[in-house]
Amino acid sequence: MSQFPPCPKCQSTFAYSTGGPLLTCPECAYEWNPEETVSEDSGIEVKDANGNALVNGDSVIVLKNLPVKGYPQPIKAGTKVKNIRLTDGDHNIDCKIAGFGSMALKSEFVKKG
């Protein structure tokens, strides 16, 4: 178990010290100073289809088959998506889905899982 706090950008628990005051995340290459208490609250409020508030790093479940442009098959209902990131805009969830790669989803088609 790491003695360092998780990465503020991707929540990875594999952070390590580079010898100075900075910590580095090996998964997203983000560097930060753990002594600085900067709040990175984006102020984005996103709710799922049931009205539950979503936050970065949540897991969600797709509620209906979602067709994907350029793919012969849709994202199936019941697909679990881990470690989401919230964004502004019409498609307010960024995520990676196995077999599809990086995707942007609308929160009205998912529920907190």
PDB file of N, CA and C in Angstrom:
ATOM      1  N   MET A   1       0.843  -1.179   0.000  1.00  0.00           N
ATOM      2  CA  MET A   1       0.000   0.000   0.000  1.00  0.00           C
ATOM      3  C   MET A   1       0.884   1.237   0.000  1.00  0.00           C
ATOM      4  N   SER A   2       0.529   2.208  -0.812  1.00  0.00           N
ATOM      5  CA  SER A   2       1.311   3.427  -0.945  1.00  0.00           C
ATOM      6  C   SER A   2       1.128   4.320   0.279  1.00  0.00           C
ATOM      7  N   GLN A   3       2.207   4.972   0.698  1.00  0.00           N
ATOM      8  CA  GLN A   3       2.134   5.895   1.817  1.00  0.00           C
ATOM      9  C   GLN A   3       1.755   7.293   1.350  1.00  0.00           C
ATOM     10  N   PHE A   4       1.640   7.481   0.039  1.00  0.00           N
ATOM     11  CA  PHE A   4       1.319   8.781  -0.536  1.00  0.00           C
ATOM     12  C   PHE A   4      -0.175   8.869  -0.846  1.00  0.00           C
ATOM     13  N   PRO A   5      -0.717  10.105  -0.882  1.00  0.00           N
ATOM     14  CA  PRO A   5      -2.141  10.259  -1.212  1.00  0.00           C
ATOM     15  C   PRO A   5      -2.390   9.901  -2.679  1.00  0.00           C
ATOM     16  N   PRO A   6      -3.642   9.561  -3.029  1.00  0.00           N
ATOM     17  CA  PRO A   6      -3.934   9.217  -4.417  1.00  0.00           C
ATOM     18  C   PRO A   6      -3.805  10.432  -5.338  1.00  0.00           C
ATOM     19  N   CYS A   7      -3.617  10.169  -6.593  1.00  0.00           N
ATOM     20  CA  CYS A   7      -3.479  11.226  -7.603  1.00  0.00           C
ATOM     21  C   CYS A   7      -4.759  12.061  -7.649  1.00  0.00           C
ATOM     22  N   PRO A   8      -4.660  13.396  -7.587  1.00  0.00           N
ATOM     23  CA  PRO A   8      -5.861  14.228  -7.637  1.00  0.00           C
ATOM     24  C   PRO A   8      -6.523  14.231  -9.019  1.00  0.00           C
ATOM     25  N   LYS A   9      -5.795  13.832 -10.038  1.00  0.00           N
ATOM     26  CA  LYS A   9      -6.351  13.866 -11.400  1.00  0.00           C
ATOM     27  C   LYS A   9      -7.089  12.575 -11.742  1.00  0.00           C
ATOM     28  N   CYS A  10      -6.479  11.404 -11.483  1.00  0.00           N
ATOM     29  CA  CYS A  10      -7.087  10.126 -11.891  1.00  0.00           C
ATOM     30  C   CYS A  10      -7.382   9.199 -10.713  1.00  0.00           C
ATOM     31  N   GLN A  11      -7.056   9.605  -9.498  1.00  0.00           N
ATOM     32  CA  GLN A  11      -7.296   8.838  -8.271  1.00  0.00           C
ATOM     33  C   GLN A  11      -6.490   7.542  -8.177  1.00  0.00           C
ATOM     34  N   SER A  12      -5.418   7.419  -8.942  1.00  0.00           N
ATOM     35  CA  SER A  12      -4.554   6.245  -8.872  1.00  0.00           C
ATOM     36  C   SER A  12      -3.853   6.210  -7.519  1.00  0.00           C
ATOM     37  N   THR A  13      -3.708   5.027  -6.969  1.00  0.00           N
ATOM     38  CA  THR A  13      -3.056   4.875  -5.663  1.00  0.00           C
ATOM     39  C   THR A  13      -1.569   4.556  -5.801  1.00  0.00           C
ATOM     40  N   PHE A  14      -1.030   4.620  -7.022  1.00  0.00           N
ATOM     41  CA  PHE A  14       0.355   4.235  -7.262  1.00  0.00           C
ATOM     42  C   PHE A  14       1.295   5.434  -7.354  1.00  0.00           C
ATOM     43  N   ALA A  15       0.993   6.534  -6.689  1.00  0.00           N
ATOM     44  CA  ALA A  15       1.832   7.723  -6.727  1.00  0.00           C
ATOM     45  C   ALA A  15       3.182   7.446  -6.069  1.00  0.00           C
ATOM     46  N   TYR A  16       4.213   8.137  -6.551  1.00  0.00           N
ATOM     47  CA  TYR A  16       5.541   7.978  -5.965  1.00  0.00           C
ATOM     48  C   TYR A  16       6.255   9.318  -5.934  1.00  0.00           C
ATOM     49  N   SER A  17       7.259   9.425  -5.080  1.00  0.00           N
ATOM     50  CA  SER A  17       8.036  10.643  -4.928  1.00  0.00           C
ATOM     51  C   SER A  17       9.171  10.659  -5.944  1.00  0.00           C
ATOM     52  N   THR A  18       9.451  11.849  -6.474  1.00  0.00           N
ATOM     53  CA  THR A  18      10.545  11.995  -7.433  1.00  0.00           C
ATOM     54  C   THR A  18      11.812  12.504  -6.757  1.00  0.00           C
ATOM     55  N   GLY A  19      11.831  12.486  -5.437  1.00  0.00           N
ATOM     56  CA  GLY A  19      13.007  12.923  -4.700  1.00  0.00           C
ATOM     57  C   GLY A  19      12.876  14.330  -4.159  1.00  0.00           C
ATOM     58  N   GLY A  20      12.015  15.125  -4.738  1.00  0.00           N
ATOM     59  CA  GLY A  20      11.774  16.488  -4.271  1.00  0.00           C
ATOM     60  C   GLY A  20      10.417  16.569  -3.598  1.00  0.00           C
ATOM     61  N   PRO A  21       9.842  17.761  -3.588  1.00  0.00           N
ATOM     62  CA  PRO A  21       8.539  17.913  -2.939  1.00  0.00           C
ATOM     63  C   PRO A  21       7.372  17.386  -3.782  1.00  0.00           C
ATOM     64  N   LEU A  22       7.608  17.096  -5.052  1.00  0.00           N
ATOM     65  CA  LEU A  22       6.525  16.675  -5.930  1.00  0.00           C
ATOM     66  C   LEU A  22       6.300  15.166  -5.908  1.00  0.00           C
ATOM     67  N   LEU A  23       5.049  14.787  -6.106  1.00  0.00           N
ATOM     68  CA  LEU A  23       4.681  13.392  -6.305  1.00  0.00           C
ATOM     69  C   LEU A  23       4.289  13.217  -7.766  1.00  0.00           C
ATOM     70  N   THR A  24       4.465  12.008  -8.298  1.00  0.00           N
ATOM     71  CA  THR A  24       4.150  11.719  -9.690  1.00  0.00           C
ATOM     72  C   THR A  24       3.230  10.513  -9.769  1.00  0.00           C
ATOM     73  N   CYS A  25       2.285  10.589 -10.695  1.00  0.00           N
ATOM     74  CA  CYS A  25       1.378   9.468 -10.938  1.00  0.00           C
ATOM     75  C   CYS A  25       1.880   8.714 -12.173  1.00  0.00           C
ATOM     76  N   PRO A  26       2.159   7.417 -12.071  1.00  0.00           N
ATOM     77  CA  PRO A  26       2.655   6.666 -13.218  1.00  0.00           C
ATOM     78  C   PRO A  26       1.570   6.374 -14.259  1.00  0.00           C
ATOM     79  N   GLU A  27       0.309   6.501 -13.887  1.00  0.00           N
ATOM     80  CA  GLU A  27      -0.773   6.183 -14.821  1.00  0.00           C
ATOM     81  C   GLU A  27      -1.145   7.346 -15.724  1.00  0.00           C
ATOM     82  N   CYS A  28      -1.158   8.576 -15.191  1.00  0.00           N
ATOM     83  CA  CYS A  28      -1.540   9.721 -16.027  1.00  0.00           C
ATOM     84  C   CYS A  28      -0.418  10.761 -16.145  1.00  0.00           C
ATOM     85  N   ALA A  29       0.734  10.517 -15.514  1.00  0.00           N
ATOM     86  CA  ALA A  29       1.911  11.384 -15.566  1.00  0.00           C
ATOM     87  C   ALA A  29       1.670  12.757 -14.939  1.00  0.00           C
ATOM     88  N   TYR A  30       0.711  12.876 -14.058  1.00  0.00           N
ATOM     89  CA  TYR A  30       0.424  14.132 -13.377  1.00  0.00           C
ATOM     90  C   TYR A  30       1.383  14.303 -12.215  1.00  0.00           C
ATOM     91  N   GLU A  31       1.895  15.521 -12.042  1.00  0.00           N
ATOM     92  CA  GLU A  31       2.784  15.840 -10.921  1.00  0.00           C
ATOM     93  C   GLU A  31       2.102  16.887 -10.050  1.00  0.00           C
ATOM     94  N   TRP A  32       2.189  16.725  -8.722  1.00  0.00           N
ATOM     95  CA  TRP A  32       1.589  17.674  -7.813  1.00  0.00           C
ATOM     96  C   TRP A  32       2.358  17.710  -6.512  1.00  0.00           C
ATOM     97  N   ASN A  33       2.153  18.800  -5.790  1.00  0.00           N
ATOM     98  CA  ASN A  33       2.760  18.975  -4.474  1.00  0.00           C
ATOM     99  C   ASN A  33       1.705  18.624  -3.431  1.00  0.00           C
ATOM    100  N   PRO A  34       1.910  17.578  -2.625  1.00  0.00           N
ATOM    101  CA  PRO A  34       0.890  17.180  -1.654  1.00  0.00           C
ATOM    102  C   PRO A  34       0.696  18.195  -0.529  1.00  0.00           C
ATOM    103  N   GLU A  35       1.650  19.112  -0.358  1.00  0.00           N
ATOM    104  CA  GLU A  35       1.532  20.130   0.691  1.00  0.00           C
ATOM    105  C   GLU A  35       0.530  21.212   0.319  1.00  0.00           C
ATOM    106  N   GLU A  36       0.312  21.417  -0.977  1.00  0.00           N
ATOM    107  CA  GLU A  36      -0.641  22.428  -1.426  1.00  0.00           C
ATOM    108  C   GLU A  36      -2.042  21.852  -1.317  1.00  0.00           C
ATOM    109  N   THR A  37      -2.919  22.587  -0.718  1.00  0.00           N
ATOM    110  CA  THR A  37      -4.292  22.120  -0.558  1.00  0.00           C
ATOM    111  C   THR A  37      -5.183  22.886  -1.522  1.00  0.00           C
ATOM    112  N   VAL A  38      -5.009  22.616  -2.805  1.00  0.00           N
ATOM    113  CA  VAL A  38      -5.796  23.276  -3.834  1.00  0.00           C
ATOM    114  C   VAL A  38      -7.023  22.415  -4.118  1.00  0.00           C
ATOM    115  N   SER A  39      -8.172  23.026  -4.026  1.00  0.00           N
ATOM    116  CA  SER A  39      -9.402  22.300  -4.325  1.00  0.00           C
ATOM    117  C   SER A  39      -9.632  22.311  -5.826  1.00  0.00           C
ATOM    118  N   GLU A  40      -9.727  21.135  -6.406  1.00  0.00           N
ATOM    119  CA  GLU A  40      -9.958  21.032  -7.837  1.00  0.00           C
ATOM    120  C   GLU A  40     -11.409  20.711  -8.127  1.00  0.00           C
ATOM    121  N   ASP A  41     -12.322  21.209  -7.292  1.00  0.00           N
ATOM    122  CA  ASP A  41     -13.738  20.990  -7.512  1.00  0.00           C
ATOM    123  C   ASP A  41     -14.160  21.758  -8.749  1.00  0.00           C
ATOM    124  N   SER A  42     -14.642  21.048  -9.743  1.00  0.00           N
ATOM    125  CA  SER A  42     -14.977  21.665 -11.013  1.00  0.00           C
ATOM    126  C   SER A  42     -16.305  22.395 -10.965  1.00  0.00           C
ATOM    127  N   GLY A  43     -17.103  22.157  -9.943  1.00  0.00           N
ATOM    128  CA  GLY A  43     -18.381  22.827  -9.845  1.00  0.00           C
ATOM    129  C   GLY A  43     -19.430  22.222 -10.764  1.00  0.00           C
ATOM    130  N   ILE A  44     -19.126  21.123 -11.400  1.00  0.00           N
ATOM    131  CA  ILE A  44     -20.059  20.469 -12.305  1.00  0.00           C
ATOM    132  C   ILE A  44     -20.957  19.555 -11.487  1.00  0.00           C
ATOM    133  N   GLU A  45     -22.256  19.697 -11.649  1.00  0.00           N
ATOM    134  CA  GLU A  45     -23.194  18.813 -10.966  1.00  0.00           C
ATOM    135  C   GLU A  45     -23.886  17.965 -12.019  1.00  0.00           C
ATOM    136  N   VAL A  46     -23.619  16.660 -11.978  1.00  0.00           N
ATOM    137  CA  VAL A  46     -24.183  15.730 -12.953  1.00  0.00           C
ATOM    138  C   VAL A  46     -24.974  14.677 -12.198  1.00  0.00           C
ATOM    139  N   LYS A  47     -26.172  14.395 -12.686  1.00  0.00           N
ATOM    140  CA  LYS A  47     -27.025  13.386 -12.056  1.00  0.00           C
ATOM    141  C   LYS A  47     -27.323  12.280 -13.059  1.00  0.00           C
ATOM    142  N   ASP A  48     -27.433  11.050 -12.537  1.00  0.00           N
ATOM    143  CA  ASP A  48     -27.759   9.912 -13.398  1.00  0.00           C
ATOM    144  C   ASP A  48     -29.263   9.879 -13.684  1.00  0.00           C
ATOM    145  N   ALA A  49     -29.727   8.836 -14.359  1.00  0.00           N
ATOM    146  CA  ALA A  49     -31.131   8.711 -14.738  1.00  0.00           C
ATOM    147  C   ALA A  49     -32.060   8.644 -13.525  1.00  0.00           C
ATOM    148  N   ASN A  50     -31.557   8.205 -12.378  1.00  0.00           N
ATOM    149  CA  ASN A  50     -32.365   8.101 -11.167  1.00  0.00           C
ATOM    150  C   ASN A  50     -32.264   9.327 -10.270  1.00  0.00           C
ATOM    151  N   GLY A  51     -31.482  10.316 -10.670  1.00  0.00           N
ATOM    152  CA  GLY A  51     -31.336  11.533  -9.878  1.00  0.00           C
ATOM    153  C   GLY A  51     -30.219  11.497  -8.864  1.00  0.00           C
ATOM    154  N   ASN A  52     -29.394  10.455  -8.872  1.00  0.00           N
ATOM    155  CA  ASN A  52     -28.255  10.372  -7.957  1.00  0.00           C
ATOM    156  C   ASN A  52     -27.109  11.214  -8.490  1.00  0.00           C
ATOM    157  N   ALA A  53     -26.441  11.951  -7.619  1.00  0.00           N
ATOM    158  CA  ALA A  53     -25.310  12.781  -8.022  1.00  0.00           C
ATOM    159  C   ALA A  53     -24.112  11.900  -8.362  1.00  0.00           C
ATOM    160  N   LEU A  54     -23.443  12.219  -9.457  1.00  0.00           N
ATOM    161  CA  LEU A  54     -22.238  11.502  -9.879  1.00  0.00           C
ATOM    162  C   LEU A  54     -21.022  12.358  -9.588  1.00  0.00           C
ATOM    163  N   VAL A  55     -19.900  11.704  -9.281  1.00  0.00           N
ATOM    164  CA  VAL A  55     -18.632  12.393  -9.071  1.00  0.00           C
ATOM    165  C   VAL A  55     -17.552  11.684  -9.881  1.00  0.00           C
ATOM    166  N   ASN A  56     -16.432  12.352 -10.086  1.00  0.00           N
ATOM    167  CA  ASN A  56     -15.311  11.742 -10.797  1.00  0.00           C
ATOM    168  C   ASN A  56     -14.880  10.466 -10.091  1.00  0.00           C
ATOM    169  N   GLY A  57     -14.624   9.409 -10.867  1.00  0.00           N
ATOM    170  CA  GLY A  57     -14.167   8.148 -10.313  1.00  0.00           C
ATOM    171  C   GLY A  57     -15.285   7.157 -10.017  1.00  0.00           C
ATOM    172  N   ASP A  58     -16.544   7.574 -10.136  1.00  0.00           N
ATOM    173  CA  ASP A  58     -17.666   6.662  -9.906  1.00  0.00           C
ATOM    174  C   ASP A  58     -17.709   5.564 -10.961  1.00  0.00           C
ATOM    175  N   SER A  59     -18.455   4.529 -10.666  1.00  0.00           N
ATOM    176  CA  SER A  59     -18.780   3.485 -11.637  1.00  0.00           C
ATOM    177  C   SER A  59     -20.251   3.622 -11.983  1.00  0.00           C
ATOM    178  N   VAL A  60     -20.584   3.439 -13.254  1.00  0.00           N
ATOM    179  CA  VAL A  60     -21.966   3.544 -13.702  1.00  0.00           C
ATOM    180  C   VAL A  60     -22.325   2.338 -14.558  1.00  0.00           C
ATOM    181  N   ILE A  61     -23.625   2.108 -14.720  1.00  0.00           N
ATOM    182  CA  ILE A  61     -24.131   1.016 -15.544  1.00  0.00           C
ATOM    183  C   ILE A  61     -24.994   1.618 -16.644  1.00  0.00           C
ATOM    184  N   VAL A  62     -24.763   1.188 -17.888  1.00  0.00           N
ATOM    185  CA  VAL A  62     -25.525   1.672 -19.033  1.00  0.00           C
ATOM    186  C   VAL A  62     -26.928   1.075 -18.964  1.00  0.00           C
ATOM    187  N   LEU A  63     -27.962   1.910 -19.158  1.00  0.00           N
ATOM    188  CA  LEU A  63     -29.337   1.466 -19.002  1.00  0.00           C
ATOM    189  C   LEU A  63     -29.980   0.914 -20.273  1.00  0.00           C
ATOM    190  N   LYS A  64     -29.516   1.340 -21.443  1.00  0.00           N
ATOM    191  CA  LYS A  64     -30.110   0.852 -22.685  1.00  0.00           C
ATOM    192  C   LYS A  64     -29.017   0.686 -23.730  1.00  0.00           C
ATOM    193  N   ASN A  65     -29.302  -0.090 -24.764  1.00  0.00           N
ATOM    194  CA  ASN A  65     -28.331  -0.263 -25.840  1.00  0.00           C
ATOM    195  C   ASN A  65     -28.072   1.087 -26.495  1.00  0.00           C
ATOM    196  N   LEU A  66     -26.801   1.452 -26.608  1.00  0.00           N
ATOM    197  CA  LEU A  66     -26.434   2.737 -27.197  1.00  0.00           C
ATOM    198  C   LEU A  66     -25.663   2.498 -28.492  1.00  0.00           C
ATOM    199  N   PRO A  67     -26.225   2.896 -29.630  1.00  0.00           N
ATOM    200  CA  PRO A  67     -25.506   2.718 -30.892  1.00  0.00           C
ATOM    201  C   PRO A  67     -24.271   3.618 -30.922  1.00  0.00           C
ATOM    202  N   VAL A  68     -23.196   3.111 -31.516  1.00  0.00           N
ATOM    203  CA  VAL A  68     -21.943   3.862 -31.605  1.00  0.00           C
ATOM    204  C   VAL A  68     -21.599   4.014 -33.072  1.00  0.00           C
ATOM    205  N   LYS A  69     -21.442   5.256 -33.502  1.00  0.00           N
ATOM    206  CA  LYS A  69     -21.124   5.530 -34.900  1.00  0.00           C
ATOM    207  C   LYS A  69     -19.785   4.883 -35.262  1.00  0.00           C
ATOM    208  N   GLY A  70     -19.781   4.121 -36.350  1.00  0.00           N
ATOM    209  CA  GLY A  70     -18.550   3.488 -36.806  1.00  0.00           C
ATOM    210  C   GLY A  70     -18.307   2.100 -36.249  1.00  0.00           C
ATOM    211  N   TYR A  71     -19.185   1.612 -35.368  1.00  0.00           N
ATOM    212  CA  TYR A  71     -19.053   0.269 -34.803  1.00  0.00           C
ATOM    213  C   TYR A  71     -20.261  -0.563 -35.215  1.00  0.00           C
ATOM    214  N   PRO A  72     -20.076  -1.830 -35.509  1.00  0.00           N
ATOM    215  CA  PRO A  72     -21.203  -2.662 -35.954  1.00  0.00           C
ATOM    216  C   PRO A  72     -22.162  -3.045 -34.832  1.00  0.00           C
ATOM    217  N   GLN A  73     -21.751  -2.914 -33.588  1.00  0.00           N
ATOM    218  CA  GLN A  73     -22.602  -3.309 -32.474  1.00  0.00           C
ATOM    219  C   GLN A  73     -22.732  -2.163 -31.487  1.00  0.00           C
ATOM    220  N   PRO A  74     -23.839  -2.115 -30.748  1.00  0.00           N
ATOM    221  CA  PRO A  74     -24.022  -1.050 -29.757  1.00  0.00           C
ATOM    222  C   PRO A  74     -23.333  -1.384 -28.442  1.00  0.00           C
ATOM    223  N   ILE A  75     -23.252  -0.397 -27.559  1.00  0.00           N
ATOM    224  CA  ILE A  75     -22.857  -0.651 -26.176  1.00  0.00           C
ATOM    225  C   ILE A  75     -24.088  -1.272 -25.516  1.00  0.00           C
ATOM    226  N   LYS A  76     -23.957  -2.458 -25.007  1.00  0.00           N
ATOM    227  CA  LYS A  76     -25.101  -3.215 -24.484  1.00  0.00           C
ATOM    228  C   LYS A  76     -25.592  -2.650 -23.145  1.00  0.00           C
ATOM    229  N   ALA A  77     -26.889  -2.746 -22.943  1.00  0.00           N
ATOM    230  CA  ALA A  77     -27.474  -2.379 -21.655  1.00  0.00           C
ATOM    231  C   ALA A  77     -26.884  -3.291 -20.582  1.00  0.00           C
ATOM    232  N   GLY A  78     -26.553  -2.738 -19.432  1.00  0.00           N
ATOM    233  CA  GLY A  78     -25.962  -3.508 -18.351  1.00  0.00           C
ATOM    234  C   GLY A  78     -24.449  -3.455 -18.315  1.00  0.00           C
ATOM    235  N   THR A  79     -23.832  -2.807 -19.312  1.00  0.00           N
ATOM    236  CA  THR A  79     -22.381  -2.672 -19.325  1.00  0.00           C
ATOM    237  C   THR A  79     -21.935  -1.777 -18.174  1.00  0.00           C
ATOM    238  N   LYS A  80     -20.984  -2.250 -17.375  1.00  0.00           N
ATOM    239  CA  LYS A  80     -20.469  -1.465 -16.256  1.00  0.00           C
ATOM    240  C   LYS A  80     -19.265  -0.659 -16.727  1.00  0.00           C
ATOM    241  N   VAL A  81     -19.271   0.621 -16.421  1.00  0.00           N
ATOM    242  CA  VAL A  81     -18.206   1.537 -16.792  1.00  0.00           C
ATOM    243  C   VAL A  81     -17.581   2.065 -15.515  1.00  0.00           C
ATOM    244  N   LYS A  82     -16.269   1.865 -15.355  1.00  0.00           N
ATOM    245  CA  LYS A  82     -15.573   2.274 -14.140  1.00  0.00           C
ATOM    246  C   LYS A  82     -14.787   3.560 -14.360  1.00  0.00           C
ATOM    247  N   ASN A  83     -14.561   4.266 -13.289  1.00  0.00           N
ATOM    248  CA  ASN A  83     -13.687   5.434 -13.250  1.00  0.00           C
ATOM    249  C   ASN A  83     -14.081   6.495 -14.279  1.00  0.00           C
ATOM    250  N   ILE A  84     -15.284   7.035 -14.148  1.00  0.00           N
ATOM    251  CA  ILE A  84     -15.759   8.064 -15.072  1.00  0.00           C
ATOM    252  C   ILE A  84     -15.152   9.421 -14.725  1.00  0.00           C
ATOM    253  N   ARG A  85     -15.147  10.314 -15.701  1.00  0.00           N
ATOM    254  CA  ARG A  85     -14.721  11.694 -15.516  1.00  0.00           C
ATOM    255  C   ARG A  85     -15.856  12.592 -15.987  1.00  0.00           C
ATOM    256  N   LEU A  86     -16.216  13.589 -15.206  1.00  0.00           N
ATOM    257  CA  LEU A  86     -17.309  14.486 -15.549  1.00  0.00           C
ATOM    258  C   LEU A  86     -16.792  15.674 -16.340  1.00  0.00           C
ATOM    259  N   THR A  87     -17.561  16.082 -17.340  1.00  0.00           N
ATOM    260  CA  THR A  87     -17.189  17.210 -18.193  1.00  0.00           C
ATOM    261  C   THR A  87     -18.402  18.106 -18.414  1.00  0.00           C
ATOM    262  N   ASP A  88     -18.168  19.275 -18.952  1.00  0.00           N
ATOM    263  CA  ASP A  88     -19.254  20.160 -19.367  1.00  0.00           C
ATOM    264  C   ASP A  88     -19.714  19.747 -20.753  1.00  0.00           C
ATOM    265  N   GLY A  89     -20.937  20.083 -21.080  1.00  0.00           N
ATOM    266  CA  GLY A  89     -21.430  19.821 -22.423  1.00  0.00           C
ATOM    267  C   GLY A  89     -22.571  18.833 -22.435  1.00  0.00           C
ATOM    268  N   ASP A  90     -23.003  18.497 -23.651  1.00  0.00           N
ATOM    269  CA  ASP A  90     -24.134  17.601 -23.842  1.00  0.00           C
ATOM    270  C   ASP A  90     -23.805  16.186 -23.380  1.00  0.00           C
ATOM    271  N   HIS A  91     -22.667  15.665 -23.791  1.00  0.00           N
ATOM    272  CA  HIS A  91     -22.183  14.356 -23.342  1.00  0.00           C
ATOM    273  C   HIS A  91     -21.274  14.627 -22.156  1.00  0.00           C
ATOM    274  N   ASN A  92     -21.807  14.499 -20.943  1.00  0.00           N
ATOM    275  CA  ASN A  92     -21.103  14.989 -19.767  1.00  0.00           C
ATOM    276  C   ASN A  92     -20.327  13.930 -18.990  1.00  0.00           C
ATOM    277  N   ILE A  93     -20.123  12.742 -19.563  1.00  0.00           N
ATOM    278  CA  ILE A  93     -19.310  11.708 -18.929  1.00  0.00           C
ATOM    279  C   ILE A  93     -18.264  11.229 -19.921  1.00  0.00           C
ATOM    280  N   ASP A  94     -16.994  11.312 -19.552  1.00  0.00           N
ATOM    281  CA  ASP A  94     -15.910  10.722 -20.337  1.00  0.00           C
ATOM    282  C   ASP A  94     -15.492   9.441 -19.653  1.00  0.00           C
ATOM    283  N   CYS A  95     -15.242   8.390 -20.447  1.00  0.00           N
ATOM    284  CA  CYS A  95     -14.887   7.110 -19.862  1.00  0.00           C
ATOM    285  C   CYS A  95     -14.202   6.244 -20.912  1.00  0.00           C
ATOM    286  N   LYS A  96     -13.717   5.090 -20.470  1.00  0.00           N
ATOM    287  CA  LYS A  96     -13.180   4.072 -21.367  1.00  0.00           C
ATOM    288  C   LYS A  96     -14.037   2.832 -21.215  1.00  0.00           C
ATOM    289  N   ILE A  97     -14.473   2.288 -22.351  1.00  0.00           N
ATOM    290  CA  ILE A  97     -15.310   1.093 -22.347  1.00  0.00           C
ATOM    291  C   ILE A  97     -14.561  -0.006 -23.078  1.00  0.00           C
ATOM    292  N   ALA A  98     -14.451  -1.165 -22.430  1.00  0.00           N
ATOM    293  CA  ALA A  98     -13.742  -2.293 -23.033  1.00  0.00           C
ATOM    294  C   ALA A  98     -14.373  -2.648 -24.373  1.00  0.00           C
ATOM    295  N   GLY A  99     -13.547  -2.775 -25.399  1.00  0.00           N
ATOM    296  CA  GLY A  99     -14.021  -3.109 -26.732  1.00  0.00           C
ATOM    297  C   GLY A  99     -14.385  -1.905 -27.569  1.00  0.00           C
ATOM    298  N   PHE A 100     -14.501  -0.720 -26.947  1.00  0.00           N
ATOM    299  CA  PHE A 100     -14.866   0.486 -27.671  1.00  0.00           C
ATOM    300  C   PHE A 100     -13.827   1.592 -27.524  1.00  0.00           C
ATOM    301  N   GLY A 101     -13.121   1.628 -26.402  1.00  0.00           N
ATOM    302  CA  GLY A 101     -12.132   2.679 -26.159  1.00  0.00           C
ATOM    303  C   GLY A 101     -12.745   3.875 -25.456  1.00  0.00           C
ATOM    304  N   SER A 102     -12.167   5.045 -25.679  1.00  0.00           N
ATOM    305  CA  SER A 102     -12.645   6.266 -25.034  1.00  0.00           C
ATOM    306  C   SER A 102     -13.986   6.676 -25.617  1.00  0.00           C
ATOM    307  N   MET A 103     -14.897   7.006 -24.737  1.00  0.00           N
ATOM    308  CA  MET A 103     -16.256   7.375 -25.147  1.00  0.00           C
ATOM    309  C   MET A 103     -16.726   8.560 -24.320  1.00  0.00           C
ATOM    310  N   ALA A 104     -17.723   9.262 -24.854  1.00  0.00           N
ATOM    311  CA  ALA A 104     -18.438  10.301 -24.125  1.00  0.00           C
ATOM    312  C   ALA A 104     -19.890   9.852 -24.046  1.00  0.00           C
ATOM    313  N   LEU A 105     -20.454   9.828 -22.844  1.00  0.00           N
ATOM    314  CA  LEU A 105     -21.821   9.381 -22.636  1.00  0.00           C
ATOM    315  C   LEU A 105     -22.668  10.496 -22.052  1.00  0.00           C
ATOM    316  N   LYS A 106     -23.962  10.398 -22.257  1.00  0.00           N
ATOM    317  CA  LYS A 106     -24.902  11.295 -21.607  1.00  0.00           C
ATOM    318  C   LYS A 106     -25.318  10.659 -20.286  1.00  0.00           C
ATOM    319  N   SER A 107     -25.408  11.455 -19.249  1.00  0.00           N
ATOM    320  CA  SER A 107     -25.726  10.927 -17.918  1.00  0.00           C
ATOM    321  C   SER A 107     -27.154  10.383 -17.831  1.00  0.00           C
ATOM    322  N   GLU A 108     -28.032  10.776 -18.729  1.00  0.00           N
ATOM    323  CA  GLU A 108     -29.412  10.294 -18.668  1.00  0.00           C
ATOM    324  C   GLU A 108     -29.555   8.832 -19.089  1.00  0.00           C
ATOM    325  N   PHE A 109     -28.491   8.234 -19.644  1.00  0.00           N
ATOM    326  CA  PHE A 109     -28.532   6.838 -20.077  1.00  0.00           C
ATOM    327  C   PHE A 109     -27.757   5.905 -19.153  1.00  0.00           C
ATOM    328  N   VAL A 110     -27.360   6.401 -17.973  1.00  0.00           N
ATOM    329  CA  VAL A 110     -26.603   5.571 -17.033  1.00  0.00           C
ATOM    330  C   VAL A 110     -27.205   5.706 -15.638  1.00  0.00           C
ATOM    331  N   LYS A 111     -26.906   4.715 -14.794  1.00  0.00           N
ATOM    332  CA  LYS A 111     -27.250   4.803 -13.383  1.00  0.00           C
ATOM    333  C   LYS A 111     -26.009   4.483 -12.572  1.00  0.00           C
ATOM    334  N   LYS A 112     -25.949   5.044 -11.379  1.00  0.00           N
ATOM    335  CA  LYS A 112     -24.802   4.826 -10.498  1.00  0.00           C
ATOM    336  C   LYS A 112     -24.761   3.362 -10.106  1.00  0.00           C
ATOM    337  N   GLY A 113     -23.566   2.769 -10.194  1.00  0.00           N
ATOM    338  CA  GLY A 113     -23.465   1.353  -9.908  1.00  0.00           C
ATOM    339  C   GLY A 113     -22.449   1.053  -8.912  1.00  0.00           C
TER     340      GLY A 113
END
